[in-house]
């Protein structure tokens, strides 16, 4: 079983500006801090062919219902890898995303960056898979809801960042 996620973010600016923000180690650290991370670290590497890999690890308080605490614990570690292809002329690209949680759940998906007038739109899609018998679907739905809140907050932080770091 798996649970699908679809979300959209919109940023005023070019896709090149949004890409630069999302692959900036300072923004990655800022985002982790502002989204409640107790601990975080991140790294951005650029290969000779222009492919950028953003890896981050965040430890967050596990804000989960009682039924999930026994599987997740008091904190949740989120290890995320984003692989950004070499930039294109208009900044559009497809980014692969993989997230491994300290709980028995993963997320695999893609982010599609595309220009839309004077904005950059990011369409996010993927799926959560939990390896928990009987309540796996509930845990996937919980992860989806928390990720949707996280993505909304990330967008607000990104809008602020782009305004303050033109």
N, C-alpha and C. Protein backbone atom coordinates (compact mmCIF):
# COMPACT_ATOMS: atom_id res chain seq x y z
N UNK A 1 0.84 -1.18 0.00
CA UNK A 1 0.00 0.00 0.00
C UNK A 1 0.88 1.24 0.00
N UNK A 2 0.39 2.32 -0.53
CA UNK A 2 1.10 3.59 -0.51
C UNK A 2 0.07 4.72 -0.52
N UNK A 3 0.54 5.91 -0.16
CA UNK A 3 -0.31 7.09 -0.14
C UNK A 3 0.33 8.14 -1.03
N UNK A 4 -0.44 8.66 -1.97
CA UNK A 4 0.04 9.63 -2.94
C UNK A 4 0.04 11.04 -2.35
N UNK A 5 1.01 11.84 -2.79
CA UNK A 5 1.07 13.26 -2.44
C UNK A 5 1.14 14.05 -3.72
N UNK A 6 0.34 15.10 -3.80
CA UNK A 6 0.43 16.09 -4.87
C UNK A 6 0.29 17.45 -4.22
N UNK A 7 1.22 18.33 -4.55
CA UNK A 7 1.20 19.67 -3.99
C UNK A 7 1.80 20.63 -5.00
N UNK A 8 1.51 21.91 -4.83
CA UNK A 8 2.04 22.94 -5.71
C UNK A 8 2.53 24.10 -4.87
N UNK A 9 3.68 24.62 -5.26
CA UNK A 9 4.22 25.84 -4.67
C UNK A 9 4.39 26.87 -5.78
N UNK A 10 4.19 28.14 -5.44
CA UNK A 10 4.36 29.23 -6.40
C UNK A 10 5.28 30.27 -5.79
N UNK A 11 6.24 30.71 -6.58
CA UNK A 11 7.19 31.73 -6.15
C UNK A 11 7.25 32.83 -7.19
N UNK A 12 7.26 34.09 -6.72
CA UNK A 12 7.43 35.21 -7.63
C UNK A 12 8.92 35.29 -7.96
N UNK A 13 9.26 35.04 -9.20
CA UNK A 13 10.65 35.05 -9.65
C UNK A 13 10.85 33.99 -10.70
N UNK A 14 12.04 33.96 -11.24
CA UNK A 14 12.35 32.97 -12.27
C UNK A 14 12.64 31.62 -11.64
N UNK A 15 12.56 30.59 -12.44
CA UNK A 15 12.90 29.26 -11.94
C UNK A 15 14.38 29.17 -11.60
N UNK A 16 15.22 29.95 -12.29
CA UNK A 16 16.64 29.98 -11.93
C UNK A 16 16.83 30.55 -10.53
N UNK A 17 16.08 31.62 -10.19
CA UNK A 17 16.17 32.19 -8.85
C UNK A 17 15.68 31.20 -7.80
N UNK A 18 14.60 30.51 -8.08
CA UNK A 18 14.03 29.54 -7.13
C UNK A 18 14.99 28.36 -6.96
N UNK A 19 15.56 27.91 -8.06
CA UNK A 19 16.54 26.82 -7.99
C UNK A 19 17.74 27.25 -7.14
N UNK A 20 18.24 28.45 -7.40
CA UNK A 20 19.38 28.95 -6.63
C UNK A 20 19.05 28.96 -5.14
N UNK A 21 17.83 29.37 -4.78
CA UNK A 21 17.42 29.40 -3.38
C UNK A 21 17.37 27.98 -2.81
N UNK A 22 16.69 27.07 -3.49
CA UNK A 22 16.47 25.72 -2.95
C UNK A 22 17.75 24.89 -2.89
N UNK A 23 18.78 25.29 -3.62
CA UNK A 23 20.06 24.58 -3.57
C UNK A 23 21.13 25.37 -2.81
N UNK A 24 20.72 26.45 -2.17
CA UNK A 24 21.64 27.27 -1.38
C UNK A 24 21.76 26.68 0.04
N UNK A 25 22.96 26.28 0.46
CA UNK A 25 23.11 25.70 1.80
C UNK A 25 22.58 26.61 2.91
N UNK A 26 22.68 27.92 2.73
CA UNK A 26 22.17 28.83 3.76
C UNK A 26 20.64 28.75 3.84
N UNK A 27 19.97 28.65 2.69
CA UNK A 27 18.52 28.51 2.72
C UNK A 27 18.12 27.16 3.31
N UNK A 28 18.83 26.10 2.96
CA UNK A 28 18.51 24.77 3.48
C UNK A 28 18.60 24.78 5.02
N UNK A 29 19.64 25.44 5.56
CA UNK A 29 19.79 25.54 7.01
C UNK A 29 18.69 26.43 7.61
N UNK A 30 18.40 27.55 6.96
CA UNK A 30 17.35 28.47 7.40
C UNK A 30 16.00 27.75 7.46
N UNK A 31 15.69 27.00 6.41
CA UNK A 31 14.43 26.26 6.34
C UNK A 31 14.34 25.22 7.46
N UNK A 32 15.42 24.51 7.71
CA UNK A 32 15.41 23.50 8.79
C UNK A 32 15.16 24.16 10.14
N UNK A 33 15.84 25.26 10.38
CA UNK A 33 15.68 25.96 11.66
C UNK A 33 14.26 26.46 11.84
N UNK A 34 13.71 27.07 10.80
CA UNK A 34 12.39 27.68 10.88
C UNK A 34 11.24 26.68 10.84
N UNK A 35 11.53 25.45 10.51
CA UNK A 35 10.48 24.43 10.50
C UNK A 35 10.58 23.52 11.72
N UNK A 36 11.33 23.95 12.73
CA UNK A 36 11.32 23.26 14.01
C UNK A 36 12.37 22.21 14.24
N UNK A 37 13.40 22.15 13.39
CA UNK A 37 14.43 21.14 13.58
C UNK A 37 15.18 21.36 14.89
N UNK A 38 15.38 20.30 15.63
CA UNK A 38 16.19 20.33 16.85
C UNK A 38 17.66 20.30 16.46
N UNK A 39 17.96 19.48 15.46
CA UNK A 39 19.30 19.37 14.89
C UNK A 39 19.15 19.26 13.39
N UNK A 40 20.15 19.78 12.67
CA UNK A 40 20.12 19.62 11.22
C UNK A 40 21.53 19.76 10.66
N UNK A 41 21.72 19.14 9.53
CA UNK A 41 22.94 19.37 8.75
C UNK A 41 22.57 19.15 7.29
N UNK A 42 23.35 19.76 6.42
CA UNK A 42 23.06 19.65 5.00
C UNK A 42 24.33 19.83 4.20
N UNK A 43 24.25 19.38 2.97
CA UNK A 43 25.38 19.51 2.06
C UNK A 43 24.84 19.64 0.64
N UNK A 44 25.49 20.49 -0.12
CA UNK A 44 25.16 20.64 -1.53
C UNK A 44 26.43 20.34 -2.31
N UNK A 45 26.34 19.38 -3.23
CA UNK A 45 27.49 19.06 -4.07
C UNK A 45 27.11 19.29 -5.53
N UNK A 46 28.09 19.71 -6.30
CA UNK A 46 27.88 19.96 -7.72
C UNK A 46 28.86 19.09 -8.49
N UNK A 47 28.33 18.25 -9.35
CA UNK A 47 29.17 17.37 -10.17
C UNK A 47 29.67 18.15 -11.39
N UNK A 48 30.67 17.61 -12.05
CA UNK A 48 31.25 18.28 -13.21
C UNK A 48 30.25 18.44 -14.35
N UNK A 49 29.21 17.61 -14.39
CA UNK A 49 28.19 17.73 -15.44
C UNK A 49 27.06 18.68 -15.06
N UNK A 50 27.20 19.38 -13.92
CA UNK A 50 26.20 20.37 -13.50
C UNK A 50 25.09 19.82 -12.63
N UNK A 51 25.07 18.53 -12.38
CA UNK A 51 24.04 17.95 -11.50
C UNK A 51 24.35 18.34 -10.06
N UNK A 52 23.34 18.89 -9.39
CA UNK A 52 23.49 19.28 -7.99
C UNK A 52 22.73 18.28 -7.12
N UNK A 53 23.35 17.89 -6.02
CA UNK A 53 22.70 17.01 -5.07
C UNK A 53 22.63 17.72 -3.72
N UNK A 54 21.42 17.85 -3.22
CA UNK A 54 21.19 18.48 -1.92
C UNK A 54 20.81 17.37 -0.96
N UNK A 55 21.62 17.18 0.07
CA UNK A 55 21.29 16.21 1.11
C UNK A 55 21.11 16.96 2.42
N UNK A 56 20.09 16.57 3.14
CA UNK A 56 19.85 17.21 4.44
C UNK A 56 19.32 16.16 5.41
N UNK A 57 19.64 16.39 6.67
CA UNK A 57 19.14 15.55 7.73
C UNK A 57 18.61 16.46 8.82
N UNK A 58 17.36 16.24 9.21
CA UNK A 58 16.73 17.06 10.24
C UNK A 58 16.15 16.15 11.30
N UNK A 59 16.35 16.51 12.56
CA UNK A 59 15.69 15.83 13.66
C UNK A 59 14.65 16.78 14.20
N UNK A 60 13.41 16.30 14.25
CA UNK A 60 12.27 17.12 14.65
C UNK A 60 11.53 16.45 15.79
N UNK A 61 10.82 17.24 16.59
CA UNK A 61 9.92 16.61 17.56
C UNK A 61 8.85 15.83 16.80
N UNK A 62 8.55 14.64 17.23
CA UNK A 62 7.52 13.82 16.57
C UNK A 62 6.17 14.24 17.12
N UNK A 63 5.47 15.02 16.36
CA UNK A 63 4.14 15.49 16.74
C UNK A 63 3.13 14.53 16.13
N UNK A 64 2.94 13.38 16.79
CA UNK A 64 2.10 12.32 16.24
C UNK A 64 1.11 11.83 17.29
N UNK A 65 0.01 11.25 16.84
CA UNK A 65 -0.96 10.68 17.78
C UNK A 65 -0.36 9.50 18.53
N UNK A 66 -0.98 9.14 19.63
CA UNK A 66 -0.48 8.05 20.48
C UNK A 66 -0.26 6.74 19.73
N UNK A 67 -1.16 6.39 18.80
CA UNK A 67 -1.01 5.11 18.12
C UNK A 67 0.28 5.03 17.31
N UNK A 68 0.82 6.19 16.91
CA UNK A 68 2.04 6.19 16.09
C UNK A 68 3.31 6.36 16.90
N UNK A 69 3.20 6.81 18.15
CA UNK A 69 4.39 7.06 18.97
C UNK A 69 5.24 5.82 19.15
N UNK A 70 4.63 4.68 19.29
CA UNK A 70 5.40 3.46 19.53
C UNK A 70 6.26 3.10 18.31
N UNK A 71 5.85 3.49 17.11
CA UNK A 71 6.63 3.21 15.91
C UNK A 71 7.61 4.33 15.58
N UNK A 72 7.27 5.53 15.97
CA UNK A 72 8.04 6.71 15.57
C UNK A 72 8.95 7.20 16.69
N UNK A 73 8.47 7.20 17.92
CA UNK A 73 9.25 7.72 19.03
C UNK A 73 8.96 9.18 19.30
N UNK A 74 9.77 9.77 20.16
CA UNK A 74 9.56 11.17 20.57
C UNK A 74 10.13 12.16 19.55
N UNK A 75 11.12 11.71 18.77
CA UNK A 75 11.67 12.56 17.71
C UNK A 75 11.66 11.78 16.40
N UNK A 76 11.76 12.50 15.33
CA UNK A 76 11.74 11.91 14.00
C UNK A 76 12.91 12.49 13.22
N UNK A 77 13.73 11.62 12.66
CA UNK A 77 14.82 12.08 11.81
C UNK A 77 14.39 11.93 10.36
N UNK A 78 14.62 12.98 9.59
CA UNK A 78 14.22 13.04 8.19
C UNK A 78 15.48 13.24 7.35
N UNK A 79 15.85 12.24 6.58
CA UNK A 79 17.01 12.32 5.68
C UNK A 79 16.49 12.46 4.26
N UNK A 80 16.82 13.59 3.64
CA UNK A 80 16.28 13.91 2.32
C UNK A 80 17.41 14.09 1.32
N UNK A 81 17.19 13.56 0.11
CA UNK A 81 18.13 13.75 -0.99
C UNK A 81 17.34 14.26 -2.19
N UNK A 82 17.82 15.38 -2.73
CA UNK A 82 17.25 15.94 -3.96
C UNK A 82 18.35 15.94 -5.01
N UNK A 83 18.03 15.46 -6.21
CA UNK A 83 19.00 15.46 -7.30
C UNK A 83 18.47 16.38 -8.39
N UNK A 84 19.21 17.48 -8.59
CA UNK A 84 18.84 18.52 -9.54
C UNK A 84 19.63 18.34 -10.83
N UNK A 85 18.95 18.20 -11.97
CA UNK A 85 19.68 18.09 -13.23
C UNK A 85 20.34 19.42 -13.59
N UNK A 86 21.22 19.38 -14.57
CA UNK A 86 21.85 20.62 -15.04
C UNK A 86 20.76 21.60 -15.46
N UNK A 87 21.02 22.88 -15.23
CA UNK A 87 20.03 23.92 -15.53
C UNK A 87 19.76 24.00 -17.04
N UNK A 88 18.53 24.38 -17.38
CA UNK A 88 18.13 24.58 -18.77
C UNK A 88 17.94 26.05 -19.04
N UNK A 89 17.64 26.40 -20.27
CA UNK A 89 17.48 27.80 -20.66
C UNK A 89 16.41 28.55 -19.89
N UNK A 90 15.24 27.95 -19.70
CA UNK A 90 14.16 28.66 -18.99
C UNK A 90 14.08 28.29 -17.52
N UNK A 91 15.01 27.44 -17.05
CA UNK A 91 15.04 27.07 -15.65
C UNK A 91 14.15 25.89 -15.29
N UNK A 92 13.37 25.40 -16.25
CA UNK A 92 12.51 24.26 -15.94
C UNK A 92 13.36 23.01 -15.74
N UNK A 93 12.89 22.15 -14.87
CA UNK A 93 13.61 20.90 -14.63
C UNK A 93 12.75 19.96 -13.79
N UNK A 94 13.18 18.71 -13.76
CA UNK A 94 12.54 17.70 -12.93
C UNK A 94 13.57 17.22 -11.93
N UNK A 95 13.23 17.34 -10.65
CA UNK A 95 14.13 17.01 -9.54
C UNK A 95 13.63 15.74 -8.89
N UNK A 96 14.51 14.77 -8.71
CA UNK A 96 14.10 13.57 -7.99
C UNK A 96 14.29 13.82 -6.49
N UNK A 97 13.37 13.28 -5.71
CA UNK A 97 13.38 13.48 -4.26
C UNK A 97 13.19 12.13 -3.58
N UNK A 98 14.03 11.86 -2.60
CA UNK A 98 13.85 10.65 -1.79
C UNK A 98 14.02 11.05 -0.32
N UNK A 99 13.08 10.62 0.51
CA UNK A 99 13.12 10.92 1.94
C UNK A 99 13.03 9.61 2.71
N UNK A 100 13.97 9.44 3.62
CA UNK A 100 13.96 8.28 4.52
C UNK A 100 13.71 8.82 5.93
N UNK A 101 12.67 8.35 6.55
CA UNK A 101 12.35 8.76 7.91
C UNK A 101 12.95 7.74 8.88
N UNK A 102 13.20 8.18 10.13
CA UNK A 102 13.70 7.23 11.13
C UNK A 102 12.64 6.19 11.48
N UNK A 103 11.39 6.50 11.24
CA UNK A 103 10.31 5.53 11.36
C UNK A 103 10.30 4.68 10.10
N UNK A 104 9.62 3.55 10.09
CA UNK A 104 9.61 2.69 8.91
C UNK A 104 8.72 3.25 7.79
N UNK A 105 9.14 4.41 7.23
CA UNK A 105 8.38 5.04 6.16
C UNK A 105 9.35 5.77 5.24
N UNK A 106 9.01 5.79 3.95
CA UNK A 106 9.82 6.50 2.96
C UNK A 106 8.90 7.33 2.08
N UNK A 107 9.51 8.30 1.41
CA UNK A 107 8.82 9.08 0.38
C UNK A 107 9.73 9.11 -0.83
N UNK A 108 9.17 8.84 -1.99
CA UNK A 108 9.88 8.97 -3.25
C UNK A 108 9.00 9.76 -4.20
N UNK A 109 9.62 10.73 -4.88
CA UNK A 109 8.82 11.53 -5.79
C UNK A 109 9.67 12.44 -6.64
N UNK A 110 8.98 13.43 -7.21
CA UNK A 110 9.63 14.40 -8.09
C UNK A 110 9.06 15.78 -7.87
N UNK A 111 9.89 16.76 -8.15
CA UNK A 111 9.45 18.16 -8.19
C UNK A 111 9.65 18.64 -9.63
N UNK A 112 8.62 19.25 -10.18
CA UNK A 112 8.69 19.77 -11.54
C UNK A 112 8.68 21.30 -11.46
N UNK A 113 9.79 21.92 -11.79
CA UNK A 113 9.87 23.38 -11.82
C UNK A 113 9.54 23.84 -13.23
N UNK A 114 8.66 24.86 -13.32
CA UNK A 114 8.31 25.39 -14.63
C UNK A 114 7.95 26.86 -14.50
N UNK A 115 8.34 27.65 -15.49
CA UNK A 115 7.96 29.06 -15.46
C UNK A 115 6.48 29.22 -15.79
N UNK A 116 5.86 30.23 -15.17
CA UNK A 116 4.47 30.57 -15.44
C UNK A 116 4.36 32.08 -15.31
N UNK A 117 4.52 32.78 -16.42
CA UNK A 117 4.54 34.24 -16.39
C UNK A 117 5.75 34.72 -15.61
N UNK A 118 5.51 35.56 -14.61
CA UNK A 118 6.61 36.06 -13.78
C UNK A 118 6.80 35.23 -12.52
N UNK A 119 6.30 34.00 -12.53
CA UNK A 119 6.43 33.11 -11.38
C UNK A 119 7.12 31.81 -11.79
N UNK A 120 7.58 31.10 -10.77
CA UNK A 120 8.06 29.74 -10.94
C UNK A 120 7.11 28.86 -10.15
N UNK A 121 6.59 27.86 -10.80
CA UNK A 121 5.66 26.92 -10.18
C UNK A 121 6.40 25.60 -9.96
N UNK A 122 6.22 25.03 -8.78
CA UNK A 122 6.78 23.71 -8.49
C UNK A 122 5.62 22.77 -8.21
N UNK A 123 5.47 21.79 -9.07
CA UNK A 123 4.49 20.73 -8.84
C UNK A 123 5.24 19.56 -8.22
N UNK A 124 4.74 19.09 -7.10
CA UNK A 124 5.38 18.03 -6.34
C UNK A 124 4.46 16.81 -6.36
N UNK A 125 5.04 15.67 -6.68
CA UNK A 125 4.24 14.44 -6.64
C UNK A 125 5.12 13.29 -6.17
N UNK A 126 4.49 12.36 -5.51
CA UNK A 126 5.23 11.20 -5.04
C UNK A 126 4.34 10.35 -4.16
N UNK A 127 5.00 9.41 -3.46
CA UNK A 127 4.21 8.53 -2.60
C UNK A 127 4.97 8.14 -1.35
N UNK A 128 4.20 7.98 -0.30
CA UNK A 128 4.70 7.50 0.98
C UNK A 128 4.45 6.00 1.05
N UNK A 129 5.41 5.28 1.61
CA UNK A 129 5.25 3.85 1.85
C UNK A 129 5.70 3.57 3.27
N UNK A 130 4.80 2.99 4.05
CA UNK A 130 5.12 2.63 5.44
C UNK A 130 5.18 1.13 5.58
N UNK A 131 6.18 0.66 6.27
CA UNK A 131 6.32 -0.78 6.53
C UNK A 131 5.84 -1.13 7.91
N UNK A 132 4.61 -0.76 8.21
CA UNK A 132 4.03 -1.01 9.54
C UNK A 132 2.74 -1.81 9.35
N UNK A 133 2.71 -3.03 9.83
CA UNK A 133 1.50 -3.84 9.67
C UNK A 133 0.29 -3.17 10.34
N UNK A 134 -0.84 -3.34 9.74
CA UNK A 134 -2.16 -2.91 10.24
C UNK A 134 -2.38 -1.41 10.21
N UNK A 135 -1.44 -0.59 10.65
CA UNK A 135 -1.69 0.86 10.70
C UNK A 135 -0.82 1.63 9.70
N UNK A 136 -0.18 0.94 8.77
CA UNK A 136 0.68 1.61 7.79
C UNK A 136 -0.03 2.71 7.03
N UNK A 137 -1.26 2.46 6.60
CA UNK A 137 -2.03 3.46 5.87
C UNK A 137 -2.28 4.71 6.69
N UNK A 138 -2.58 4.54 7.98
CA UNK A 138 -2.79 5.69 8.87
C UNK A 138 -1.50 6.50 9.01
N UNK A 139 -0.37 5.80 9.14
CA UNK A 139 0.91 6.49 9.28
C UNK A 139 1.26 7.23 7.99
N UNK A 140 0.97 6.63 6.84
CA UNK A 140 1.21 7.31 5.56
C UNK A 140 0.36 8.57 5.45
N UNK A 141 -0.90 8.49 5.84
CA UNK A 141 -1.79 9.67 5.80
C UNK A 141 -1.28 10.75 6.74
N UNK A 142 -0.79 10.35 7.90
CA UNK A 142 -0.22 11.30 8.86
C UNK A 142 1.01 11.99 8.25
N UNK A 143 1.89 11.20 7.64
CA UNK A 143 3.08 11.76 6.99
C UNK A 143 2.69 12.70 5.87
N UNK A 144 1.69 12.35 5.11
CA UNK A 144 1.22 13.21 4.03
C UNK A 144 0.72 14.55 4.56
N UNK A 145 -0.11 14.52 5.59
CA UNK A 145 -0.65 15.75 6.17
C UNK A 145 0.47 16.63 6.72
N UNK A 146 1.42 16.03 7.41
CA UNK A 146 2.53 16.82 7.95
C UNK A 146 3.41 17.37 6.83
N UNK A 147 3.59 16.62 5.77
CA UNK A 147 4.39 17.09 4.64
C UNK A 147 3.68 18.24 3.94
N UNK A 148 2.39 18.17 3.80
CA UNK A 148 1.64 19.27 3.19
C UNK A 148 1.80 20.55 4.01
N UNK A 149 1.74 20.44 5.33
CA UNK A 149 1.97 21.62 6.19
C UNK A 149 3.40 22.12 6.04
N UNK A 150 4.35 21.21 6.00
CA UNK A 150 5.76 21.57 5.82
C UNK A 150 5.97 22.30 4.49
N UNK A 151 5.38 21.80 3.42
CA UNK A 151 5.56 22.42 2.11
C UNK A 151 4.94 23.82 2.06
N UNK A 152 3.80 24.00 2.73
CA UNK A 152 3.18 25.33 2.80
C UNK A 152 4.10 26.29 3.56
N UNK A 153 4.68 25.83 4.66
CA UNK A 153 5.60 26.67 5.42
C UNK A 153 6.87 26.94 4.62
N UNK A 154 7.38 25.92 3.92
CA UNK A 154 8.56 26.11 3.08
C UNK A 154 8.29 27.19 2.04
N UNK A 155 7.10 27.20 1.45
CA UNK A 155 6.78 28.22 0.46
C UNK A 155 6.78 29.60 1.10
N UNK A 156 6.17 29.76 2.27
CA UNK A 156 6.17 31.06 2.95
C UNK A 156 7.59 31.51 3.25
N UNK A 157 8.43 30.58 3.73
CA UNK A 157 9.83 30.91 4.01
C UNK A 157 10.56 31.28 2.73
N UNK A 158 10.28 30.57 1.65
CA UNK A 158 10.92 30.85 0.37
C UNK A 158 10.54 32.22 -0.18
N UNK A 159 9.27 32.58 -0.05
CA UNK A 159 8.82 33.90 -0.50
C UNK A 159 9.58 34.98 0.27
N UNK A 160 9.70 34.80 1.58
CA UNK A 160 10.45 35.76 2.40
C UNK A 160 11.92 35.79 1.98
N UNK A 161 12.51 34.63 1.80
CA UNK A 161 13.92 34.53 1.42
C UNK A 161 14.19 35.27 0.09
N UNK A 162 13.33 35.02 -0.90
CA UNK A 162 13.52 35.65 -2.22
C UNK A 162 13.39 37.17 -2.12
N UNK A 163 12.52 37.64 -1.24
CA UNK A 163 12.37 39.08 -1.05
C UNK A 163 13.62 39.68 -0.40
N UNK A 164 14.18 38.97 0.58
CA UNK A 164 15.32 39.47 1.31
C UNK A 164 16.67 39.18 0.65
N UNK A 165 16.69 38.25 -0.32
CA UNK A 165 17.93 37.86 -1.01
C UNK A 165 17.70 37.90 -2.52
N UNK A 166 17.46 39.10 -3.06
CA UNK A 166 17.13 39.18 -4.51
C UNK A 166 18.31 38.78 -5.40
